N, C-alpha and C. Protein backbone atom coordinates (compact mmCIF):
# COMPACT_ATOMS: atom_id res chain seq x y z
N MET A 1 165.71 166.92 204.81
CA MET A 1 165.38 167.37 203.46
C MET A 1 165.00 166.12 202.68
N ASN A 2 163.93 166.04 202.05
CA ASN A 2 163.63 164.64 201.36
C ASN A 2 163.41 165.34 199.86
N ARG A 3 164.59 165.40 199.26
CA ARG A 3 164.56 165.88 197.67
C ARG A 3 165.35 164.69 196.72
N VAL A 4 164.59 164.34 195.55
CA VAL A 4 165.35 163.55 194.70
C VAL A 4 165.32 164.27 193.22
N CYS A 5 166.31 164.11 192.52
CA CYS A 5 166.60 164.57 191.35
C CYS A 5 167.16 163.49 190.29
N LEU A 6 166.39 163.19 189.37
CA LEU A 6 166.57 161.83 188.55
C LEU A 6 166.43 162.20 186.96
N VAL A 7 167.58 161.51 186.33
CA VAL A 7 167.34 161.67 184.87
C VAL A 7 167.30 160.28 184.26
N GLY A 8 166.41 159.89 183.55
CA GLY A 8 166.37 158.56 183.10
C GLY A 8 165.45 158.42 181.93
N ARG A 9 165.06 157.14 181.63
CA ARG A 9 163.96 156.75 180.45
C ARG A 9 162.96 155.88 180.80
N LEU A 10 161.88 156.12 180.62
CA LEU A 10 160.48 155.56 180.94
C LEU A 10 160.66 153.91 180.26
N THR A 11 160.36 152.96 181.14
CA THR A 11 160.54 151.63 180.80
C THR A 11 159.34 151.15 179.96
N ALA A 12 158.11 151.89 180.22
CA ALA A 12 156.72 151.73 179.49
C ALA A 12 155.91 152.88 179.33
N LYS A 13 155.06 152.57 178.59
CA LYS A 13 154.10 153.66 178.10
C LYS A 13 153.16 154.10 179.45
N PRO A 14 153.30 155.13 180.10
CA PRO A 14 152.66 155.51 181.22
C PRO A 14 150.84 155.43 181.01
N GLU A 15 150.27 154.78 181.94
CA GLU A 15 148.75 154.84 181.73
C GLU A 15 148.25 155.77 182.78
N LEU A 16 147.12 156.67 182.27
CA LEU A 16 146.52 157.64 183.07
C LEU A 16 145.50 156.97 183.92
N ARG A 17 145.35 157.20 185.25
CA ARG A 17 144.23 156.87 186.06
C ARG A 17 143.74 157.79 187.04
N TYR A 18 142.36 157.42 187.59
CA TYR A 18 141.92 158.59 188.24
C TYR A 18 141.62 157.96 189.63
N THR A 19 141.65 158.70 190.70
CA THR A 19 141.15 158.38 192.17
C THR A 19 139.80 158.35 192.05
N GLY A 20 139.17 157.81 193.13
CA GLY A 20 137.82 157.81 193.50
C GLY A 20 137.07 159.36 193.54
N SER A 21 138.06 160.28 193.84
CA SER A 21 137.69 161.80 193.76
C SER A 21 138.04 162.53 192.54
N ASN A 22 138.12 161.72 191.55
CA ASN A 22 138.50 162.13 190.03
C ASN A 22 139.87 162.97 189.90
N ILE A 23 140.89 162.58 190.74
CA ILE A 23 142.17 163.19 190.70
C ILE A 23 143.14 162.39 189.68
N ALA A 24 143.68 162.90 188.74
CA ALA A 24 144.47 162.13 187.83
C ALA A 24 145.82 161.85 188.24
N TYR A 25 146.20 160.65 188.02
CA TYR A 25 147.57 160.20 188.40
C TYR A 25 148.11 159.13 187.50
N THR A 26 149.40 159.16 187.27
CA THR A 26 150.01 157.79 186.44
C THR A 26 151.17 157.42 187.39
N ARG A 27 151.57 156.02 187.10
CA ARG A 27 152.74 155.53 187.90
C ARG A 27 153.55 154.90 186.67
N PHE A 28 154.66 155.06 186.78
CA PHE A 28 155.77 154.52 185.75
C PHE A 28 156.97 154.23 186.50
N SER A 29 157.88 153.49 185.79
CA SER A 29 159.28 153.12 186.14
C SER A 29 160.38 153.80 185.26
N LEU A 30 161.24 154.39 186.06
CA LEU A 30 162.25 155.22 185.17
C LEU A 30 163.39 154.43 185.37
N ALA A 31 164.12 154.21 184.32
CA ALA A 31 165.64 153.46 184.23
C ALA A 31 166.44 154.57 184.39
N VAL A 32 167.39 154.46 185.34
CA VAL A 32 168.38 155.77 185.62
C VAL A 32 169.76 154.73 185.56
N ASN A 33 170.73 155.18 184.61
CA ASN A 33 171.91 154.78 184.36
C ASN A 33 172.66 154.90 185.68
N ARG A 34 173.52 153.92 186.34
CA ARG A 34 174.61 154.21 187.21
C ARG A 34 175.75 154.88 186.63
N THR A 35 176.60 155.37 187.27
CA THR A 35 177.80 156.22 186.89
C THR A 35 178.97 155.54 186.69
N PHE A 36 178.73 154.04 186.86
CA PHE A 36 180.04 153.22 186.96
C PHE A 36 179.70 151.69 186.20
N ASN A 37 180.55 151.42 185.82
CA ASN A 37 180.47 149.99 185.12
C ASN A 37 180.74 148.73 186.28
N ASN A 38 179.91 147.67 185.99
CA ASN A 38 180.21 146.42 186.99
C ASN A 38 181.35 145.75 186.57
N ALA A 39 181.60 144.70 187.11
CA ALA A 39 182.91 143.92 187.18
C ALA A 39 183.13 143.31 185.71
N GLN A 40 181.93 143.12 184.93
CA GLN A 40 182.13 142.60 183.42
C GLN A 40 182.21 143.78 182.50
N GLY A 41 182.40 145.02 183.06
CA GLY A 41 182.41 146.28 182.10
C GLY A 41 181.18 146.72 181.58
N GLU A 42 180.03 146.27 182.04
CA GLU A 42 178.74 146.70 181.67
C GLU A 42 178.14 147.68 182.55
N ARG A 43 177.48 148.66 181.81
CA ARG A 43 176.54 149.81 182.69
C ARG A 43 175.37 149.26 183.27
N GLU A 44 175.12 149.27 184.29
CA GLU A 44 173.83 148.74 184.92
C GLU A 44 172.80 150.00 185.18
N ALA A 45 171.45 149.68 185.44
CA ALA A 45 170.50 150.79 185.57
C ALA A 45 169.62 150.32 186.83
N ASP A 46 169.35 151.44 187.64
CA ASP A 46 168.37 151.24 188.69
C ASP A 46 166.99 151.48 188.04
N PHE A 47 165.95 150.83 188.47
CA PHE A 47 164.53 151.04 188.09
C PHE A 47 163.67 151.50 189.29
N ILE A 48 163.18 152.79 189.24
CA ILE A 48 162.74 153.57 190.31
C ILE A 48 161.21 153.84 189.88
N ASN A 49 160.31 153.73 190.76
CA ASN A 49 158.80 153.69 190.60
C ASN A 49 158.79 155.23 190.92
N ILE A 50 157.91 155.77 190.03
CA ILE A 50 157.39 157.09 189.71
C ILE A 50 155.97 157.59 190.02
N ILE A 51 155.57 158.38 190.85
CA ILE A 51 153.86 158.65 190.75
C ILE A 51 153.99 160.13 190.42
N VAL A 52 153.03 160.41 189.51
CA VAL A 52 152.76 161.97 188.97
C VAL A 52 151.42 162.19 189.02
N TRP A 53 150.94 163.33 189.77
CA TRP A 53 149.68 163.54 189.89
C TRP A 53 149.08 164.86 189.10
N ARG A 54 147.73 164.82 188.91
CA ARG A 54 147.09 166.03 188.37
C ARG A 54 147.33 166.18 186.92
N LYS A 55 147.49 167.54 186.33
CA LYS A 55 147.60 168.08 185.16
C LYS A 55 148.91 167.55 184.69
N GLN A 56 150.01 167.44 185.30
CA GLN A 56 151.27 166.76 185.03
C GLN A 56 151.09 165.37 184.67
N ALA A 57 150.26 164.59 185.49
CA ALA A 57 150.15 163.18 184.98
C ALA A 57 149.36 163.18 183.64
N GLU A 58 148.37 163.83 183.48
CA GLU A 58 147.82 163.86 182.07
C GLU A 58 148.69 164.22 181.12
N ASN A 59 149.78 165.19 181.24
CA ASN A 59 150.75 165.54 180.17
C ASN A 59 151.67 164.40 179.93
N VAL A 60 152.12 163.77 181.12
CA VAL A 60 153.04 162.50 180.87
C VAL A 60 152.43 161.31 180.32
N ALA A 61 151.12 161.13 180.51
CA ALA A 61 150.41 160.04 179.87
C ALA A 61 150.19 160.52 178.26
N ASN A 62 149.97 161.65 178.02
CA ASN A 62 149.56 161.99 176.66
C ASN A 62 150.93 162.05 175.76
N TYR A 63 151.93 162.68 176.22
CA TYR A 63 153.03 162.91 175.52
C TYR A 63 154.52 162.03 175.52
N LEU A 64 154.31 161.24 176.57
CA LEU A 64 155.56 160.55 176.78
C LEU A 64 155.22 158.94 176.48
N ASP A 65 156.22 158.31 176.20
CA ASP A 65 156.15 156.89 175.69
C ASP A 65 157.39 156.13 176.10
N LYS A 66 157.30 154.85 176.08
CA LYS A 66 158.38 153.97 176.35
C LYS A 66 159.74 154.56 176.04
N GLY A 67 160.67 154.66 176.57
CA GLY A 67 162.07 155.17 176.01
C GLY A 67 162.23 156.76 176.15
N SER A 68 161.01 157.34 176.44
CA SER A 68 161.17 158.88 176.61
C SER A 68 162.19 159.31 177.75
N GLN A 69 163.12 160.36 177.41
CA GLN A 69 163.95 160.69 178.39
C GLN A 69 163.52 161.80 179.07
N VAL A 70 163.51 161.90 180.46
CA VAL A 70 162.86 162.92 181.22
C VAL A 70 163.74 163.18 182.63
N SER A 71 163.62 164.44 183.09
CA SER A 71 164.10 164.49 184.37
C SER A 71 162.90 164.78 185.26
N ILE A 72 163.30 164.21 186.58
CA ILE A 72 162.00 164.18 187.61
C ILE A 72 162.84 164.96 188.84
N GLU A 73 162.00 165.68 189.42
CA GLU A 73 162.13 166.14 190.84
C GLU A 73 161.16 165.97 191.69
N GLY A 74 161.55 165.52 192.71
CA GLY A 74 160.28 165.16 193.90
C GLY A 74 160.75 164.71 195.01
N ARG A 75 159.92 163.81 195.85
CA ARG A 75 160.39 163.36 197.09
C ARG A 75 160.15 161.88 197.32
N ILE A 76 161.02 161.24 198.10
CA ILE A 76 160.92 159.68 198.40
C ILE A 76 159.59 159.61 199.35
N GLN A 77 158.59 158.68 198.90
CA GLN A 77 157.57 158.34 199.72
C GLN A 77 157.67 156.80 199.96
N THR A 78 157.39 156.19 201.29
CA THR A 78 157.51 154.81 201.44
C THR A 78 156.11 154.51 202.04
N GLY A 79 155.60 153.35 201.89
CA GLY A 79 154.36 152.84 202.23
C GLY A 79 154.33 151.36 202.29
N SER A 80 153.09 150.78 202.68
CA SER A 80 152.97 149.47 202.77
C SER A 80 151.59 148.90 202.62
N PHE A 81 151.41 147.85 202.35
CA PHE A 81 150.00 147.26 201.94
C PHE A 81 149.96 145.70 202.04
N THR A 82 149.00 145.27 202.29
CA THR A 82 148.95 143.52 202.62
C THR A 82 148.33 142.98 201.40
N ASP A 83 149.11 142.09 200.69
CA ASP A 83 148.68 141.64 199.30
C ASP A 83 147.53 140.44 199.54
N LYS A 84 147.04 139.87 198.55
CA LYS A 84 146.06 139.12 198.65
C LYS A 84 146.27 137.65 199.37
N ASP A 85 147.58 137.46 199.60
CA ASP A 85 147.94 136.23 200.42
C ASP A 85 148.06 136.53 201.76
N GLY A 86 147.76 138.02 202.43
CA GLY A 86 147.92 138.25 203.64
C GLY A 86 149.59 138.92 204.15
N ASN A 87 150.39 138.79 203.24
CA ASN A 87 151.80 139.42 203.45
C ASN A 87 151.99 140.72 203.32
N ARG A 88 152.67 141.37 204.14
CA ARG A 88 152.93 142.64 204.21
C ARG A 88 153.95 143.01 203.24
N ARG A 89 153.67 143.84 202.42
CA ARG A 89 154.62 144.36 201.28
C ARG A 89 155.00 145.87 201.73
N TYR A 90 156.07 146.21 201.19
CA TYR A 90 156.53 147.62 201.35
C TYR A 90 156.95 148.09 200.07
N THR A 91 156.71 149.46 200.02
CA THR A 91 156.76 150.20 198.59
C THR A 91 157.67 151.24 198.85
N THR A 92 158.67 151.70 198.03
CA THR A 92 159.19 152.99 197.84
C THR A 92 159.04 153.67 196.68
N ASP A 93 158.42 154.93 196.30
CA ASP A 93 158.34 155.62 195.08
C ASP A 93 158.71 156.94 195.20
N VAL A 94 159.02 157.53 194.17
CA VAL A 94 159.22 158.93 194.00
C VAL A 94 158.03 159.62 193.45
N VAL A 95 157.60 160.56 194.49
CA VAL A 95 156.46 161.46 194.12
C VAL A 95 156.97 162.64 193.34
N ALA A 96 156.69 162.69 192.02
CA ALA A 96 157.23 163.88 191.30
C ALA A 96 156.51 165.12 191.48
N ASP A 97 157.22 166.10 191.73
CA ASP A 97 156.87 167.57 191.88
C ASP A 97 156.94 168.16 190.41
N SER A 98 157.97 167.74 189.51
CA SER A 98 158.17 168.43 188.45
C SER A 98 158.86 167.34 187.39
N VAL A 99 158.11 167.35 186.08
CA VAL A 99 158.71 166.37 185.05
C VAL A 99 159.05 167.14 183.79
N GLN A 100 160.32 167.30 183.56
CA GLN A 100 160.84 167.99 182.37
C GLN A 100 161.14 166.89 181.21
N PHE A 101 160.49 167.10 180.02
CA PHE A 101 160.66 166.26 178.90
C PHE A 101 162.02 166.78 178.33
N LEU A 102 162.86 165.67 178.24
CA LEU A 102 164.26 166.21 177.80
C LEU A 102 164.26 165.89 176.18
N GLU A 103 163.60 165.54 175.73
CA GLU A 103 163.58 165.36 173.94
C GLU A 103 162.12 165.59 173.45
N SER A 104 162.07 165.76 172.09
CA SER A 104 160.77 165.96 171.70
C SER A 104 160.30 164.70 171.13
N ARG A 105 159.07 164.51 170.81
CA ARG A 105 158.66 163.26 170.23
C ARG A 105 159.17 163.11 168.86
N ARG A 106 159.16 164.09 168.14
CA ARG A 106 159.65 164.15 166.87
C ARG A 106 161.23 163.57 166.73
N SER A 107 162.14 164.16 167.67
CA SER A 107 163.40 163.71 167.68
C SER A 107 163.59 162.37 168.10
N ARG A 108 163.03 161.91 169.00
CA ARG A 108 162.77 160.61 169.49
C ARG A 108 162.36 159.56 168.38
N GLU A 109 161.54 159.91 167.60
CA GLU A 109 160.97 159.06 166.45
C GLU A 109 162.08 158.83 165.42
N ASN A 110 162.77 160.05 165.09
CA ASN A 110 163.58 159.98 164.15
C ASN A 110 164.95 159.50 164.39
N GLN A 111 165.26 159.24 165.83
CA GLN A 111 166.43 158.54 166.25
C GLN A 111 166.54 157.03 165.78
N THR A 112 167.52 156.46 165.39
CA THR A 112 167.72 155.07 165.36
C THR A 112 168.30 154.54 166.66
N PRO A 113 167.71 153.32 167.11
CA PRO A 113 168.30 152.63 168.37
C PRO A 113 169.94 152.42 168.27
N TYR A 114 170.64 153.03 169.31
CA TYR A 114 172.05 153.04 169.19
C TYR A 114 172.38 152.06 170.38
N ASP A 115 173.33 150.96 170.01
CA ASP A 115 173.89 150.20 170.89
C ASP A 115 174.99 150.71 171.39
N TYR A 116 175.21 151.03 172.65
CA TYR A 116 176.35 151.55 173.28
C TYR A 116 177.64 150.63 173.16
N GLN A 117 177.30 149.32 173.00
CA GLN A 117 178.33 148.31 172.86
C GLN A 117 179.24 148.56 171.53
N ASP A 118 178.45 149.07 170.55
CA ASP A 118 179.15 149.34 169.26
C ASP A 118 180.08 150.53 169.28
N MET A 119 179.88 151.48 170.36
CA MET A 119 180.62 152.74 170.34
C MET A 119 182.14 152.60 170.19
N PRO A 120 182.74 153.14 169.25
CA PRO A 120 184.29 153.04 169.04
C PRO A 120 184.93 153.64 170.32
N ALA A 121 186.09 152.96 170.64
CA ALA A 121 186.72 153.58 171.78
C ALA A 121 187.30 154.93 171.62
N VAL A 122 187.25 155.73 172.56
CA VAL A 122 187.65 157.05 172.49
C VAL A 122 189.21 157.26 172.84
N GLU A 123 190.22 157.68 172.02
CA GLU A 123 191.46 157.85 172.26
C GLU A 123 191.55 159.00 173.15
N GLU A 124 192.81 159.19 173.79
CA GLU A 124 192.96 160.47 174.60
C GLU A 124 193.48 161.28 173.56
N PRO A 125 193.18 162.61 173.90
CA PRO A 125 193.46 163.80 173.00
C PRO A 125 195.00 163.90 173.12
N GLN A 126 195.65 164.16 171.97
CA GLN A 126 197.05 164.41 171.89
C GLN A 126 197.39 165.84 171.95
N ASN A 127 198.28 166.25 172.76
CA ASN A 127 198.79 167.66 172.79
C ASN A 127 199.99 167.66 171.87
N ASN A 128 199.55 168.32 170.71
CA ASN A 128 200.49 168.51 169.70
C ASN A 128 201.06 170.13 169.49
N VAL A 129 201.30 170.88 170.66
CA VAL A 129 201.54 172.03 170.84
C VAL A 129 203.16 172.09 170.86
N ASP A 130 203.96 172.77 170.02
CA ASP A 130 205.30 172.72 169.92
C ASP A 130 205.46 173.78 171.02
N VAL A 131 206.53 173.37 171.88
CA VAL A 131 206.91 174.35 173.05
C VAL A 131 207.65 175.53 172.40
N ALA A 132 208.10 175.63 171.26
CA ALA A 132 208.73 176.72 170.71
C ALA A 132 207.52 177.70 170.27
N ASP A 133 206.29 177.17 170.06
CA ASP A 133 205.10 178.15 169.60
C ASP A 133 204.29 178.43 170.82
N ASP A 134 204.65 177.89 172.06
CA ASP A 134 203.78 178.00 173.35
C ASP A 134 204.18 179.58 173.78
N PRO A 135 203.17 180.34 173.67
CA PRO A 135 203.43 181.89 174.23
C PRO A 135 203.81 181.90 175.75
N PHE A 136 203.33 180.86 176.64
CA PHE A 136 203.40 180.93 177.86
C PHE A 136 204.67 180.05 178.43
N ALA A 137 205.60 179.59 177.74
CA ALA A 137 206.56 178.71 177.81
C ALA A 137 207.51 179.49 178.69
N ASP A 138 207.91 180.62 178.59
CA ASP A 138 208.76 181.38 179.73
C ASP A 138 208.32 181.63 180.99
N PHE A 139 206.99 181.38 181.30
CA PHE A 139 206.36 181.86 182.68
C PHE A 139 206.51 180.77 183.51
N GLY A 140 206.82 179.53 183.31
CA GLY A 140 207.04 178.50 184.29
C GLY A 140 205.69 177.60 184.16
N ASP A 141 205.32 177.07 185.41
CA ASP A 141 204.24 176.11 185.49
C ASP A 141 202.92 176.85 185.50
N ASN A 142 202.91 177.94 186.28
CA ASN A 142 201.75 178.61 186.25
C ASN A 142 201.47 180.00 185.69
N VAL A 143 200.30 180.13 185.17
CA VAL A 143 200.29 181.47 184.49
C VAL A 143 198.97 182.35 185.13
N SER A 144 199.01 183.46 185.50
CA SER A 144 198.05 184.16 186.19
C SER A 144 197.79 185.36 185.24
N ILE A 145 196.40 185.53 184.96
CA ILE A 145 195.93 186.88 183.97
C ILE A 145 195.26 187.47 185.14
N ASP A 146 195.67 188.75 185.06
CA ASP A 146 194.75 189.62 186.16
C ASP A 146 193.49 190.07 185.37
N ASP A 147 192.27 189.87 186.28
CA ASP A 147 190.99 190.47 185.32
C ASP A 147 190.79 191.83 184.98
N ASN A 148 191.76 192.55 185.38
CA ASN A 148 191.74 193.94 184.97
C ASN A 148 192.49 194.11 183.66
N PHE A 149 192.91 193.15 183.10
CA PHE A 149 193.78 193.06 181.84
C PHE A 149 192.60 193.18 180.82
N LEU A 150 191.53 192.88 180.88
CA LEU A 150 190.50 192.77 179.92
C LEU A 150 189.51 194.07 179.75
N GLU A 151 190.05 195.09 180.76
CA GLU A 151 189.13 196.33 180.57
C GLU A 151 189.82 197.26 180.00
């Protein structure tokens, strides 16, 4: 099975193009954050090439801009070509079947850029429940509530 699901932000404004047989398409790069930090404590991203076809390509080109957050579902497609110097080049792209806009243009325009480096440290929540006030204190470690209790 060849399925890909990605959530990320466009790295540039997509440009609408047409094939020789007048089929609309657009290509863009999607920045997808990794789920972990590197050795320096910084979050890295992968830049993934996306291709969108037909009406969806027109919508992407008309309504999305650099920084727009989207969800992509599609498939990986590999290919190759010979560059102008005669060297064989290989490509890997995601051909999108579905592009979901995850934010409106208005909300994106009203946002101020946020630097995640300035984000305050999150403290662990404190459990301030007094054992004397705990209604389950006499039940031991596990509490089981029967589903029929709610009927």
